[in-house]
Amino acid sequence: MSASVFGSKLDLLVRLTDTTTGAAVTERNIVFKRDGMPVIPEPRDPGTYIFINTGREDFLMRIEVFGYEVYETRVRYEELDVRIPECDVFLMPSESMSKGEKVLSFSGTLPFLKKIEAVCLDRPVCFAKDFNVKTRELTAFVNAGGRVSLNDRYYGMLKADRASYEKIEVETSVTPQSVRLKEVIGEEQISNQPVMRVVFGSVREDGEYMLKVRDSGQSLRYLVRYELEDEVRFSEVDFKALKEGSV
């Protein structure tokens, strides 16, 4: 998509994704607010909305989608691409959502927390094979053979200690077995390391956080990543145990 739409200026592109599934949010009962005032963007692809000629001043964006938790974020243009300012929004299903699998929640309060996210330890999408630093090309494989599916944008690659993971961002597909990453991988030994899709949570200014996953009936061991002001922490959370009240 170009920065100009019918001769007008594209000031913001927003993608809405169900963070528990990775699928685009197709619900059309939705309200966008800019600094508390309702605004109406133009819909494009499923889950994609664009703002035309609205200006590029920083603002508080609030998104209310039926069946999902309310989402708020501060849009800071200095952090976005000048040509095409994009904002990826990861929505968590609300407890009252009736369709699909039930949703399990993990919440609490941690002072100075900025972001929270997690990967499912028991459901890797593929395994790393090798990485070309020069081209930033990650080659991967799946146990059953066939095409590697890295259609999402953000993933976590489990580190050798299996107690933490490195965040990776996919820039584009290269071959059926490889993708080009936005940044270079820091780990030197990545062979056979699991690669898992990232599930994003929400954090309030007071450090209150919430993370939600789908109750698939399978093992629900997640490695949670806490990003604080001066450090990053990890902890393993068993959502099945939380459901059964054993933790």
Protein backbone atom coordinates (compact mmCIF):
# COMPACT_ATOMS: atom_id res chain seq x y z
CA MET A 1 0.00 0.00 0.00
CA SER A 2 1.45 3.38 -0.98
CA ALA A 3 1.59 6.39 1.28
CA SER A 4 -0.89 8.20 -0.97
CA VAL A 5 -4.47 7.02 -1.33
CA PHE A 6 -6.43 8.68 -4.15
CA GLY A 7 -4.15 11.71 -3.89
CA SER A 8 -4.63 12.01 -0.14
CA LYS A 9 -2.14 11.45 2.66
CA LEU A 10 -2.16 8.20 4.59
CA ASP A 11 -1.57 9.17 8.24
CA LEU A 12 -2.07 5.82 9.96
CA LEU A 13 -2.67 2.20 9.06
CA VAL A 14 -4.08 -0.04 11.81
CA ARG A 15 -4.17 -3.84 11.71
CA LEU A 16 -6.44 -5.63 14.19
CA THR A 17 -5.40 -9.17 15.15
CA ASP A 18 -6.86 -11.67 17.60
CA THR A 19 -3.75 -12.30 19.64
CA THR A 20 -4.91 -15.75 20.78
CA THR A 21 -5.25 -17.08 17.22
CA GLY A 22 -3.18 -14.78 15.03
CA ALA A 23 -6.19 -14.24 12.76
CA ALA A 24 -7.40 -10.87 11.51
CA VAL A 25 -10.33 -9.46 13.49
CA THR A 26 -13.28 -9.36 11.10
CA GLU A 27 -15.87 -8.05 13.60
CA ARG A 28 -17.33 -4.82 12.19
CA ASN A 29 -19.02 -3.62 15.40
CA ILE A 30 -16.12 -1.35 16.26
CA VAL A 31 -15.47 2.16 17.58
CA PHE A 32 -12.21 4.09 17.19
CA LYS A 33 -11.48 7.09 19.41
CA ARG A 34 -8.75 9.70 19.11
CA ASP A 35 -8.04 11.45 22.42
CA GLY A 36 -11.56 10.50 23.53
CA MET A 37 -13.33 11.66 20.38
CA PRO A 38 -14.89 9.12 17.97
CA VAL A 39 -13.22 8.91 14.55
CA ILE A 40 -14.15 6.85 11.52
CA PRO A 41 -11.30 5.26 9.54
CA GLU A 42 -11.73 3.64 6.15
CA PRO A 43 -11.84 -0.19 6.13
CA ARG A 44 -9.55 -2.04 3.75
CA ASP A 45 -8.50 -5.70 4.00
CA PRO A 46 -10.13 -7.76 6.79
CA GLY A 47 -9.00 -6.25 10.08
CA THR A 48 -7.22 -3.34 8.38
CA TYR A 49 -8.23 0.32 8.71
CA ILE A 50 -6.62 3.51 7.38
CA PHE A 51 -6.79 7.12 8.51
CA ILE A 52 -6.58 9.70 5.72
CA ASN A 53 -5.66 13.38 6.19
CA THR A 54 -6.06 13.19 9.98
CA GLY A 55 -2.64 14.67 10.75
CA ARG A 56 0.39 13.11 12.39
CA GLU A 57 0.24 14.51 15.90
CA ASP A 58 0.69 11.99 18.72
CA PHE A 59 -2.58 10.87 20.30
CA LEU A 60 -4.22 8.30 22.56
CA MET A 61 -6.00 5.69 20.44
CA ARG A 62 -8.84 3.71 21.99
CA ILE A 63 -10.43 0.80 20.13
CA GLU A 64 -13.66 -0.86 21.22
CA VAL A 65 -14.52 -4.06 19.35
CA PHE A 66 -17.51 -6.27 20.20
CA GLY A 67 -16.30 -9.53 21.79
CA TYR A 68 -12.87 -8.13 22.73
CA GLU A 69 -11.28 -6.25 25.60
CA VAL A 70 -10.98 -2.50 25.12
CA TYR A 71 -7.57 -1.56 23.73
CA GLU A 72 -5.68 1.67 24.34
CA THR A 73 -2.28 2.77 23.11
CA ARG A 74 -0.36 6.00 22.73
CA VAL A 75 0.43 6.56 19.04
CA ARG A 76 3.87 8.15 18.82
CA TYR A 77 4.82 9.03 15.25
CA GLU A 78 8.54 9.22 16.02
CA GLU A 79 8.36 5.44 16.58
CA LEU A 80 6.56 4.74 13.28
CA ASP A 81 7.70 4.55 9.68
CA VAL A 82 7.57 7.98 8.05
CA ARG A 83 6.37 6.65 4.68
CA ILE A 84 3.64 4.32 5.94
CA PRO A 85 2.90 4.71 9.68
CA GLU A 86 1.63 1.29 10.79
CA CYS A 87 0.18 0.17 14.10
CA ASP A 88 -0.30 -3.53 14.87
CA VAL A 89 -3.08 -3.97 17.43
CA PHE A 90 -3.39 -7.32 19.21
CA LEU A 91 -6.83 -7.75 20.78
CA MET A 92 -7.72 -10.14 23.59
CA PRO A 93 -11.15 -11.84 23.49
CA SER A 94 -13.47 -10.84 26.32
CA GLU A 95 -14.67 -13.41 28.84
CA SER A 96 -18.21 -13.12 27.44
CA MET A 97 -17.15 -14.07 23.93
CA SER A 98 -19.42 -16.98 23.01
CA LYS A 99 -17.84 -18.22 19.80
CA GLY A 100 -14.81 -20.47 19.59
CA GLU A 101 -12.81 -21.98 22.45
CA LYS A 102 -13.04 -20.67 25.98
CA VAL A 103 -10.49 -18.09 27.04
CA LEU A 104 -8.20 -18.46 30.07
CA SER A 105 -6.73 -15.40 31.78
CA PHE A 106 -3.55 -14.69 33.70
CA SER A 107 -3.37 -11.35 35.51
CA GLY A 108 -1.62 -9.47 38.27
CA THR A 109 0.32 -6.31 39.03
CA LEU A 110 4.04 -5.71 38.57
CA PRO A 111 5.47 -2.22 39.17
CA PHE A 112 7.40 -0.67 36.26
CA LEU A 113 6.06 -3.29 33.82
CA LYS A 114 5.88 -1.99 30.24
CA LYS A 115 4.90 -5.03 28.16
CA ILE A 116 3.83 -8.63 28.66
CA GLU A 117 3.68 -11.44 26.12
CA ALA A 118 4.14 -15.21 25.95
CA VAL A 119 4.77 -18.23 23.73
CA CYS A 120 3.31 -21.72 24.08
CA LEU A 121 6.11 -24.15 24.91
CA ASP A 122 4.15 -27.15 23.64
CA ARG A 123 3.09 -25.78 20.24
CA PRO A 124 6.07 -24.70 18.14
CA VAL A 125 5.19 -23.72 14.58
CA CYS A 126 8.58 -24.89 13.31
CA PHE A 127 12.21 -25.42 14.30
CA ALA A 128 15.21 -23.29 13.38
CA LYS A 129 17.79 -24.81 11.04
CA ASP A 130 20.28 -22.04 10.33
CA PHE A 131 20.59 -18.26 9.98
CA ASN A 132 22.48 -16.19 7.41
CA VAL A 133 23.65 -13.02 9.16
CA LYS A 134 24.40 -11.20 5.90
CA THR A 135 20.94 -11.70 4.37
CA ARG A 136 19.08 -12.04 7.72
CA GLU A 137 17.54 -15.21 6.28
CA LEU A 138 16.22 -17.77 8.74
CA THR A 139 15.81 -21.30 7.41
CA ALA A 140 13.48 -23.59 9.34
CA PHE A 141 11.81 -27.00 9.16
CA VAL A 142 8.84 -28.90 10.55
CA ASN A 143 9.02 -32.43 11.88
CA ALA A 144 6.56 -33.84 9.36
CA GLY A 145 8.30 -32.15 6.43
CA GLY A 146 6.59 -29.80 4.01
CA ARG A 147 6.22 -26.05 3.92
CA VAL A 148 7.16 -23.94 6.91
CA SER A 149 4.27 -21.70 8.00
CA LEU A 150 5.54 -18.37 9.31
CA ASN A 151 2.62 -16.21 8.22
CA ASP A 152 2.51 -14.11 11.38
CA ARG A 153 4.87 -11.24 12.06
CA TYR A 154 6.19 -11.88 15.57
CA TYR A 155 7.69 -15.09 16.96
CA GLY A 156 9.81 -16.25 19.85
CA MET A 157 12.74 -18.61 19.33
CA LEU A 158 13.49 -20.65 22.44
CA LYS A 159 17.04 -20.22 23.70
CA ALA A 160 19.34 -23.07 24.66
CA ASP A 161 18.55 -22.65 28.37
CA ARG A 162 14.85 -23.22 27.53
CA ALA A 163 14.03 -20.61 30.16
CA SER A 164 13.89 -17.62 27.81
CA TYR A 165 13.32 -16.80 24.15
CA GLU A 166 14.54 -14.31 21.58
CA LYS A 167 11.91 -12.20 19.85
CA ILE A 168 12.09 -12.26 16.07
CA GLU A 169 10.12 -10.24 13.54
CA VAL A 170 9.44 -11.58 10.04
CA GLU A 171 9.96 -9.08 7.26
CA THR A 172 9.10 -11.25 4.24
CA SER A 173 9.03 -14.84 2.95
CA VAL A 174 11.99 -15.90 0.81
CA THR A 175 11.38 -19.59 0.03
CA PRO A 176 8.90 -22.22 1.29
CA GLN A 177 11.44 -23.00 4.02
CA SER A 178 12.86 -19.57 4.86
CA VAL A 179 12.00 -15.99 5.81
CA ARG A 180 13.93 -12.75 6.06
CA LEU A 181 13.96 -11.20 9.52
CA LYS A 182 13.90 -7.51 10.35
CA GLU A 183 16.84 -7.81 12.75
CA VAL A 184 19.84 -10.10 13.18
CA ILE A 185 19.45 -12.99 15.63
CA GLY A 186 21.66 -12.66 18.70
CA GLU A 187 22.01 -16.37 19.43
CA GLU A 188 24.89 -18.21 17.75
CA GLN A 189 23.58 -21.75 18.15
CA ILE A 190 20.00 -21.97 16.88
CA SER A 191 19.86 -25.41 15.25
CA ASN A 192 16.70 -27.34 16.24
CA GLN A 193 15.46 -24.55 18.51
CA PRO A 194 11.63 -24.30 18.61
CA VAL A 195 9.99 -21.23 17.08
CA MET A 196 6.61 -20.23 18.54
CA ARG A 197 4.02 -17.55 17.81
CA VAL A 198 3.87 -14.68 20.29
CA VAL A 199 0.66 -13.96 22.24
CA PHE A 200 0.46 -10.35 23.42
CA GLY A 201 -1.13 -9.12 26.65
CA SER A 202 -2.00 -5.68 28.00
CA VAL A 203 -0.41 -3.50 30.68
CA ARG A 204 -1.89 -0.45 32.42
CA GLU A 205 0.18 2.48 33.61
CA ASP A 206 0.07 1.21 37.21
CA GLY A 207 1.60 -2.14 36.19
CA GLU A 208 -1.65 -4.12 36.20
CA TYR A 209 -1.39 -6.73 33.45
CA MET A 210 -3.55 -9.32 31.71
CA LEU A 211 -2.70 -12.14 29.34
CA LYS A 212 -5.24 -14.44 27.66
CA VAL A 213 -4.97 -17.72 25.75
CA ARG A 214 -7.47 -20.10 24.15
CA ASP A 215 -8.40 -23.23 26.10
CA SER A 216 -7.63 -25.76 23.38
CA GLY A 217 -7.86 -28.72 25.74
CA GLN A 218 -4.20 -29.49 25.09
CA SER A 219 -1.16 -28.73 27.21
CA LEU A 220 -1.09 -25.03 28.03
CA ARG A 221 2.45 -24.37 29.28
CA TYR A 222 3.48 -20.85 28.34
CA LEU A 223 6.75 -18.99 28.76
CA VAL A 224 5.79 -15.46 29.79
CA ARG A 225 8.04 -12.50 28.98
CA TYR A 226 7.87 -9.45 31.25
CA GLU A 227 9.49 -6.31 29.85
CA LEU A 228 10.24 -3.82 32.63
CA GLU A 229 11.92 -0.43 32.45
CA ASP A 230 15.40 -1.80 33.13
CA GLU A 231 15.25 -5.56 32.60
CA VAL A 232 13.44 -8.49 30.97
CA ARG A 233 12.16 -11.42 33.01
CA PHE A 234 10.71 -14.80 32.06
CA SER A 235 8.56 -17.29 33.95
CA GLU A 236 6.70 -20.45 33.00
CA VAL A 237 2.93 -20.41 33.54
CA ASP A 238 0.69 -23.46 33.22
CA PHE A 239 -2.73 -22.14 32.19
CA LYS A 240 -4.29 -25.56 32.65
CA ALA A 241 -3.17 -25.54 36.29
CA LEU A 242 -4.59 -22.04 36.65
CA LYS A 243 -7.91 -23.29 35.27
CA GLU A 244 -7.98 -26.17 37.73
CA GLY A 245 -7.03 -23.90 40.61
CA SER A 246 -3.88 -25.78 41.52
CA VAL A 247 -1.57 -22.74 41.40
